[in-house]
PDB file of N, CA and C in Angstrom:
ATOM      1  N   UNK A   1     116.668  96.891 103.382  1.00  0.00           N
ATOM      2  CA  UNK A   1     115.330  97.817 103.152  1.00  0.00           C
ATOM      3  C   UNK A   1     115.380  99.502 102.788  1.00  0.00           C
ATOM      4  N   UNK A   2     115.447  99.918 101.738  1.00  0.00           N
ATOM      5  CA  UNK A   2     115.649 100.539 101.509  1.00  0.00           C
ATOM      6  C   UNK A   2     115.039 102.139 101.905  1.00  0.00           C
ATOM      7  N   UNK A   3     115.111 103.036 102.316  1.00  0.00           N
ATOM      8  CA  UNK A   3     114.114 103.854 102.992  1.00  0.00           C
ATOM      9  C   UNK A   3     112.854 103.717 102.059  1.00  0.00           C
ATOM     10  N   UNK A   4     112.906 104.217 100.869  1.00  0.00           N
ATOM     11  CA  UNK A   4     111.898 104.412  99.653  1.00  0.00           C
ATOM     12  C   UNK A   4     110.790 103.303  99.678  1.00  0.00           C
ATOM     13  N   UNK A   5     111.363 101.609 100.168  1.00  0.00           N
ATOM     14  CA  UNK A   5     110.675 100.490 100.148  1.00  0.00           C
ATOM     15  C   UNK A   5     110.197 100.720 102.060  1.00  0.00           C
ATOM     16  N   UNK A   6     110.976 101.116 103.169  1.00  0.00           N
ATOM     17  CA  UNK A   6     110.398 101.415 104.106  1.00  0.00           C
ATOM     18  C   UNK A   6     108.958 102.524 104.087  1.00  0.00           C
ATOM     19  N   UNK A   7     108.630 103.297 103.716  1.00  0.00           N
ATOM     20  CA  UNK A   7     107.750 105.127 103.725  1.00  0.00           C
ATOM     21  C   UNK A   7     106.965 103.957 102.411  1.00  0.00           C
ATOM     22  N   UNK A   8     106.638 103.593 101.896  1.00  0.00           N
ATOM     23  CA  UNK A   8     105.961 102.799 100.990  1.00  0.00           C
ATOM     24  C   UNK A   8     104.762 102.165 101.437  1.00  0.00           C
ATOM     25  N   UNK A   9     106.243 101.123 102.225  1.00  0.00           N
ATOM     26  CA  UNK A   9     104.917 100.072 103.247  1.00  0.00           C
ATOM     27  C   UNK A   9     104.334 101.056 105.081  1.00  0.00           C
ATOM     28  N   UNK A  10     105.120 102.395 104.996  1.00  0.00           N
ATOM     29  CA  UNK A  10     103.877 102.535 106.341  1.00  0.00           C
ATOM     30  C   UNK A  10     102.910 103.116 104.885  1.00  0.00           C
ATOM     31  N   UNK A  11     103.349 103.703 103.768  1.00  0.00           N
ATOM     32  CA  UNK A  11     102.616 104.197 103.664  1.00  0.00           C
ATOM     33  C   UNK A  11     100.852 103.603 102.846  1.00  0.00           C
ATOM     34  N   UNK A  12     101.169 102.182 103.326  1.00  0.00           N
ATOM     35  CA  UNK A  12     100.754 101.030 102.898  1.00  0.00           C
ATOM     36  C   UNK A  12      99.657 100.475 103.690  1.00  0.00           C
ATOM     37  N   UNK A  13     100.406 100.428 105.433  1.00  0.00           N
ATOM     38  CA  UNK A  13     100.209 100.733 106.894  1.00  0.00           C
ATOM     39  C   UNK A  13      98.171 101.450 106.490  1.00  0.00           C
ATOM     40  N   UNK A  14      99.048 102.474 106.884  1.00  0.00           N
ATOM     41  CA  UNK A  14      98.216 103.185 106.747  1.00  0.00           C
ATOM     42  C   UNK A  14      96.823 103.505 106.373  1.00  0.00           C
ATOM     43  N   UNK A  15      96.499 102.731 105.451  1.00  0.00           N
ATOM     44  CA  UNK A  15      94.943 102.847 105.078  1.00  0.00           C
ATOM     45  C   UNK A  15      94.382 101.283 105.739  1.00  0.00           C
ATOM     46  N   UNK A  16      94.864  99.796 107.047  1.00  0.00           N
ATOM     47  CA  UNK A  16      94.459  99.115 107.428  1.00  0.00           C
ATOM     48  C   UNK A  16      93.583 100.122 109.047  1.00  0.00           C
ATOM     49  N   UNK A  17      94.476 101.336 109.218  1.00  0.00           N
ATOM     50  CA  UNK A  17      93.743 102.551 109.915  1.00  0.00           C
ATOM     51  C   UNK A  17      92.555 101.992 110.251  1.00  0.00           C
ATOM     52  N   UNK A  18      91.447 101.854 111.445  1.00  0.00           N
ATOM     53  CA  UNK A  18      90.298 101.511 111.785  1.00  0.00           C
ATOM     54  C   UNK A  18      89.704 100.662 111.610  1.00  0.00           C
ATOM     55  N   UNK A  19      90.511  99.030 110.292  1.00  0.00           N
ATOM     56  CA  UNK A  19      89.999  97.941 110.413  1.00  0.00           C
ATOM     57  C   UNK A  19      90.498  96.381 111.242  1.00  0.00           C
ATOM     58  N   UNK A  20      89.833  95.934 111.671  1.00  0.00           N
ATOM     59  CA  UNK A  20      90.168  95.050 112.898  1.00  0.00           C
ATOM     60  C   UNK A  20      90.924  93.692 112.022  1.00  0.00           C
ATOM     61  N   UNK A  21      91.384  92.865 113.092  1.00  0.00           N
ATOM     62  CA  UNK A  21      92.229  92.195 112.301  1.00  0.00           C
ATOM     63  C   UNK A  21      91.266  90.757 112.678  1.00  0.00           C
ATOM     64  N   UNK A  22      90.820  90.250 112.104  1.00  0.00           N
ATOM     65  CA  UNK A  22      89.266  89.127 112.158  1.00  0.00           C
ATOM     66  C   UNK A  22      89.629  87.520 112.012  1.00  0.00           C
ATOM     67  N   UNK A  23      91.060  87.708 111.880  1.00  0.00           N
ATOM     68  CA  UNK A  23      92.130  85.796 111.296  1.00  0.00           C
ATOM     69  C   UNK A  23      93.244  85.696 110.874  1.00  0.00           C
ATOM     70  N   UNK A  24      93.568  85.122 111.464  1.00  0.00           N
ATOM     71  CA  UNK A  24      95.239  84.263 111.072  1.00  0.00           C
ATOM     72  C   UNK A  24      95.183  83.332 109.457  1.00  0.00           C
ATOM     73  N   UNK A  25      96.449  83.186 108.463  1.00  0.00           N
ATOM     74  CA  UNK A  25      96.382  82.734 107.755  1.00  0.00           C
ATOM     75  C   UNK A  25      97.552  81.601 107.341  1.00  0.00           C
ATOM     76  N   UNK A  26      97.188  80.935 106.306  1.00  0.00           N
ATOM     77  CA  UNK A  26      98.795  79.893 106.287  1.00  0.00           C
ATOM     78  C   UNK A  26      97.962  79.492 105.439  1.00  0.00           C
ATOM     79  N   UNK A  27      99.968  79.231 104.780  1.00  0.00           N
ATOM     80  CA  UNK A  27      99.562  78.846 102.910  1.00  0.00           C
ATOM     81  C   UNK A  27      99.692  77.579 103.923  1.00  0.00           C
ATOM     82  N   UNK A  28      98.741  76.763 102.189  1.00  0.00           N
ATOM     83  CA  UNK A  28      98.408  75.633 102.672  1.00  0.00           C
ATOM     84  C   UNK A  28     100.100  74.477 102.672  1.00  0.00           C
ATOM     85  N   UNK A  29     101.072  74.709 102.074  1.00  0.00           N
ATOM     86  CA  UNK A  29     102.376  74.046 102.423  1.00  0.00           C
ATOM     87  C   UNK A  29     102.561  74.544 103.999  1.00  0.00           C
ATOM     88  N   UNK A  30     102.310  75.554 104.246  1.00  0.00           N
ATOM     89  CA  UNK A  30     102.716  75.928 105.917  1.00  0.00           C
ATOM     90  C   UNK A  30     104.575  77.329 105.633  1.00  0.00           C
ATOM     91  N   UNK A  31     104.101  77.183 104.485  1.00  0.00           N
ATOM     92  CA  UNK A  31     105.780  78.279 104.129  1.00  0.00           C
ATOM     93  C   UNK A  31     104.942  79.857 104.047  1.00  0.00           C
ATOM     94  N   UNK A  32     104.450  80.365 104.504  1.00  0.00           N
ATOM     95  CA  UNK A  32     103.924  81.786 104.701  1.00  0.00           C
ATOM     96  C   UNK A  32     102.887  81.929 106.203  1.00  0.00           C
ATOM     97  N   UNK A  33     102.777  83.178 106.496  1.00  0.00           N
ATOM     98  CA  UNK A  33     101.372  83.532 106.828  1.00  0.00           C
ATOM     99  C   UNK A  33     100.459  84.968 107.139  1.00  0.00           C
ATOM    100  N   UNK A  34     100.304  85.372 107.714  1.00  0.00           N
ATOM    101  CA  UNK A  34      99.950  86.413 108.263  1.00  0.00           C
ATOM    102  C   UNK A  34      98.139  86.518 108.714  1.00  0.00           C
ATOM    103  N   UNK A  35      97.688  88.287 108.044  1.00  0.00           N
ATOM    104  CA  UNK A  35      96.476  88.070 109.362  1.00  0.00           C
ATOM    105  C   UNK A  35      95.577  89.146 108.324  1.00  0.00           C
ATOM    106  N   UNK A  36      94.946  88.779 108.296  1.00  0.00           N
ATOM    107  CA  UNK A  36      92.955  89.627 107.797  1.00  0.00           C
ATOM    108  C   UNK A  36      92.587  90.453 107.985  1.00  0.00           C
ATOM    109  N   UNK A  37      92.582  91.750 107.431  1.00  0.00           N
ATOM    110  CA  UNK A  37      91.824  92.852 108.417  1.00  0.00           C
ATOM    111  C   UNK A  37      90.446  93.102 107.308  1.00  0.00           C
ATOM    112  N   UNK A  38      89.395  93.896 108.124  1.00  0.00           N
ATOM    113  CA  UNK A  38      88.570  93.964 107.573  1.00  0.00           C
ATOM    114  C   UNK A  38      88.590  95.755 108.151  1.00  0.00           C
ATOM    115  N   UNK A  39      87.801  95.893 106.790  1.00  0.00           N
ATOM    116  CA  UNK A  39      86.986  97.582 107.165  1.00  0.00           C
ATOM    117  C   UNK A  39      86.365  98.079 105.965  1.00  0.00           C
ATOM    118  N   UNK A  40      85.813  98.501 106.459  1.00  0.00           N
ATOM    119  CA  UNK A  40      84.503  99.409 105.020  1.00  0.00           C
ATOM    120  C   UNK A  40      84.033  97.874 104.886  1.00  0.00           C
ATOM    121  N   UNK A  41      83.709  97.388 104.873  1.00  0.00           N
ATOM    122  CA  UNK A  41      82.649  95.755 104.472  1.00  0.00           C
ATOM    123  C   UNK A  41      83.432  94.297 103.744  1.00  0.00           C
ATOM    124  N   UNK A  42      84.873  94.975 103.809  1.00  0.00           N
ATOM    125  CA  UNK A  42      86.032  94.312 102.395  1.00  0.00           C
ATOM    126  C   UNK A  42      87.734  94.034 104.151  1.00  0.00           C
ATOM    127  N   UNK A  43      87.378  92.528 103.166  1.00  0.00           N
ATOM    128  CA  UNK A  43      88.609  91.727 103.789  1.00  0.00           C
ATOM    129  C   UNK A  43      90.376  91.946 102.859  1.00  0.00           C
ATOM    130  N   UNK A  44      91.320  92.509 103.671  1.00  0.00           N
ATOM    131  CA  UNK A  44      92.946  92.524 103.115  1.00  0.00           C
ATOM    132  C   UNK A  44      93.219  91.629 103.406  1.00  0.00           C
ATOM    133  N   UNK A  45      93.653  90.329 103.244  1.00  0.00           N
ATOM    134  CA  UNK A  45      94.980  89.400 103.779  1.00  0.00           C
ATOM    135  C   UNK A  45      96.904  89.441 103.326  1.00  0.00           C
ATOM    136  N   UNK A  46      96.933  89.972 105.181  1.00  0.00           N
ATOM    137  CA  UNK A  46      98.391  90.818 104.688  1.00  0.00           C
ATOM    138  C   UNK A  46      98.894  90.227 104.950  1.00  0.00           C
ATOM    139  N   UNK A  47     100.056  89.271 104.010  1.00  0.00           N
ATOM    140  CA  UNK A  47     101.138  88.768 104.342  1.00  0.00           C
ATOM    141  C   UNK A  47     101.913  88.764 105.199  1.00  0.00           C
ATOM    142  N   UNK A  48     102.614  88.171 105.904  1.00  0.00           N
ATOM    143  CA  UNK A  48     104.176  89.394 105.793  1.00  0.00           C
ATOM    144  C   UNK A  48     105.099  87.969 105.714  1.00  0.00           C
ATOM    145  N   UNK A  49     106.170  89.071 104.491  1.00  0.00           N
ATOM    146  CA  UNK A  49     106.792  87.959 104.020  1.00  0.00           C
ATOM    147  C   UNK A  49     108.297  88.836 104.515  1.00  0.00           C
ATOM    148  N   UNK A  50     109.165  88.352 103.823  1.00  0.00           N
ATOM    149  CA  UNK A  50     110.423  87.975 104.640  1.00  0.00           C
ATOM    150  C   UNK A  50     111.499  89.701 103.217  1.00  0.00           C
ATOM    151  N   UNK A  51     110.625  89.932 101.701  1.00  0.00           N
ATOM    152  CA  UNK A  51     111.001  90.959 101.159  1.00  0.00           C
ATOM    153  C   UNK A  51     110.017  91.740 100.179  1.00  0.00           C
ATOM    154  N   UNK A  52     110.077  92.339  99.582  1.00  0.00           N
ATOM    155  CA  UNK A  52     108.402  92.992  98.537  1.00  0.00           C
ATOM    156  C   UNK A  52     108.432  91.554  96.983  1.00  0.00           C
ATOM    157  N   UNK A  53     109.598  90.758  97.346  1.00  0.00           N
ATOM    158  CA  UNK A  53     108.661  90.225  96.004  1.00  0.00           C
ATOM    159  C   UNK A  53     108.026  88.611  97.422  1.00  0.00           C
ATOM    160  N   UNK A  54     108.263  88.008  98.148  1.00  0.00           N
ATOM    161  CA  UNK A  54     107.425  87.588  98.958  1.00  0.00           C
ATOM    162  C   UNK A  54     107.822  86.268  98.357  1.00  0.00           C
ATOM    163  N   UNK A  55     109.528  85.769  98.997  1.00  0.00           N
ATOM    164  CA  UNK A  55     110.177  85.089  99.118  1.00  0.00           C
ATOM    165  C   UNK A  55     110.350  84.237 100.176  1.00  0.00           C
ATOM    166  N   UNK A  56     109.127  84.163 100.732  1.00  0.00           N
ATOM    167  CA  UNK A  56     109.109  83.363 102.192  1.00  0.00           C
ATOM    168  C   UNK A  56     108.452  84.720 102.921  1.00  0.00           C
ATOM    169  N   UNK A  57     108.174  83.305 104.263  1.00  0.00           N
ATOM    170  CA  UNK A  57     107.703  84.452 105.655  1.00  0.00           C
ATOM    171  C   UNK A  57     109.438  84.977 105.868  1.00  0.00           C
ATOM    172  N   UNK A  58     108.298  85.547 107.170  1.00  0.00           N
ATOM    173  CA  UNK A  58     108.865  87.539 107.183  1.00  0.00           C
ATOM    174  C   UNK A  58     108.539  87.319 109.552  1.00  0.00           C
ATOM    175  N   UNK A  59     108.536  87.915 109.703  1.00  0.00           N
ATOM    176  CA  UNK A  59     109.459  87.830 110.981  1.00  0.00           C
ATOM    177  C   UNK A  59     108.367  89.527 111.416  1.00  0.00           C
ATOM    178  N   UNK A  60     107.539  89.003 112.363  1.00  0.00           N
ATOM    179  CA  UNK A  60     106.059  90.250 113.351  1.00  0.00           C
ATOM    180  C   UNK A  60     106.947  90.266 114.105  1.00  0.00           C
ATOM    181  N   UNK A  61     108.105  91.548 114.548  1.00  0.00           N
ATOM    182  CA  UNK A  61     107.557  91.594 115.956  1.00  0.00           C
ATOM    183  C   UNK A  61     106.515  92.691 116.892  1.00  0.00           C
ATOM    184  N   UNK A  62     106.078  91.870 118.053  1.00  0.00           N
ATOM    185  CA  UNK A  62     105.030  93.310 118.787  1.00  0.00           C
ATOM    186  C   UNK A  62     105.462  93.696 120.282  1.00  0.00           C
ATOM    187  N   UNK A  63     105.343  95.136 120.464  1.00  0.00           N
ATOM    188  CA  UNK A  63     105.755  94.957 121.660  1.00  0.00           C
ATOM    189  C   UNK A  63     104.869  96.012 121.949  1.00  0.00           C
ATOM    190  N   UNK A  64     104.107  96.029 123.585  1.00  0.00           N
ATOM    191  CA  UNK A  64     102.561  96.671 123.600  1.00  0.00           C
ATOM    192  C   UNK A  64     102.640  98.387 123.882  1.00  0.00           C
ATOM    193  N   UNK A  65     102.234  99.155 123.813  1.00  0.00           N
ATOM    194  CA  UNK A  65     101.902 100.951 124.312  1.00  0.00           C
ATOM    195  C   UNK A  65     101.495 101.130 125.249  1.00  0.00           C
ATOM    196  N   UNK A  66     101.817 102.094 125.355  1.00  0.00           N
ATOM    197  CA  UNK A  66     100.979 102.581 126.840  1.00  0.00           C
ATOM    198  C   UNK A  66     100.353 103.345 126.029  1.00  0.00           C
ATOM    199  N   UNK A  67      98.733 104.039 125.985  1.00  0.00           N
ATOM    200  CA  UNK A  67      98.193 104.669 125.657  1.00  0.00           C
ATOM    201  C   UNK A  67      98.880 105.893 125.322  1.00  0.00           C
ATOM    202  N   UNK A  68      98.660 106.710 124.856  1.00  0.00           N
ATOM    203  CA  UNK A  68      99.222 108.316 124.351  1.00  0.00           C
ATOM    204  C   UNK A  68      97.695 109.333 125.052  1.00  0.00           C
ATOM    205  N   UNK A  69      98.972 110.655 125.932  1.00  0.00           N
ATOM    206  CA  UNK A  69      98.461 111.516 126.065  1.00  0.00           C
ATOM    207  C   UNK A  69      97.407 112.071 125.039  1.00  0.00           C
ATOM    208  N   UNK A  70      97.844 111.478 123.760  1.00  0.00           N
ATOM    209  CA  UNK A  70      96.988 112.514 122.925  1.00  0.00           C
ATOM    210  C   UNK A  70      94.936 111.554 122.291  1.00  0.00           C
ATOM    211  N   UNK A  71      96.023 110.480 122.067  1.00  0.00           N
ATOM    212  CA  UNK A  71      94.662 108.670 122.035  1.00  0.00           C
ATOM    213  C   UNK A  71      93.604 109.361 123.038  1.00  0.00           C
ATOM    214  N   UNK A  72      94.183 109.943 124.168  1.00  0.00           N
ATOM    215  CA  UNK A  72      92.393 109.651 125.503  1.00  0.00           C
ATOM    216  C   UNK A  72      92.098 111.138 125.678  1.00  0.00           C
ATOM    217  N   UNK A  73      92.689 112.166 124.610  1.00  0.00           N
ATOM    218  CA  UNK A  73      91.431 112.412 124.054  1.00  0.00           C
ATOM    219  C   UNK A  73      91.692 114.068 124.468  1.00  0.00           C
TER     220      UNK A  73
END
């Protein structure tokens, strides 16, 4: 993945800040999965794809983080 692709993806994800993940989704053929984010009365389905063209499902990595001092106020 190119730096431009990562930068673009990060900018898109910023639009979800403050939203709430409300559900998970999967295509009828179980080939792709994702999650639903609700924010400001709108719902956005976020698909986890292996590339920008959506050629199959990708992998999502999660790790717990401690709150930062700035987030504690």
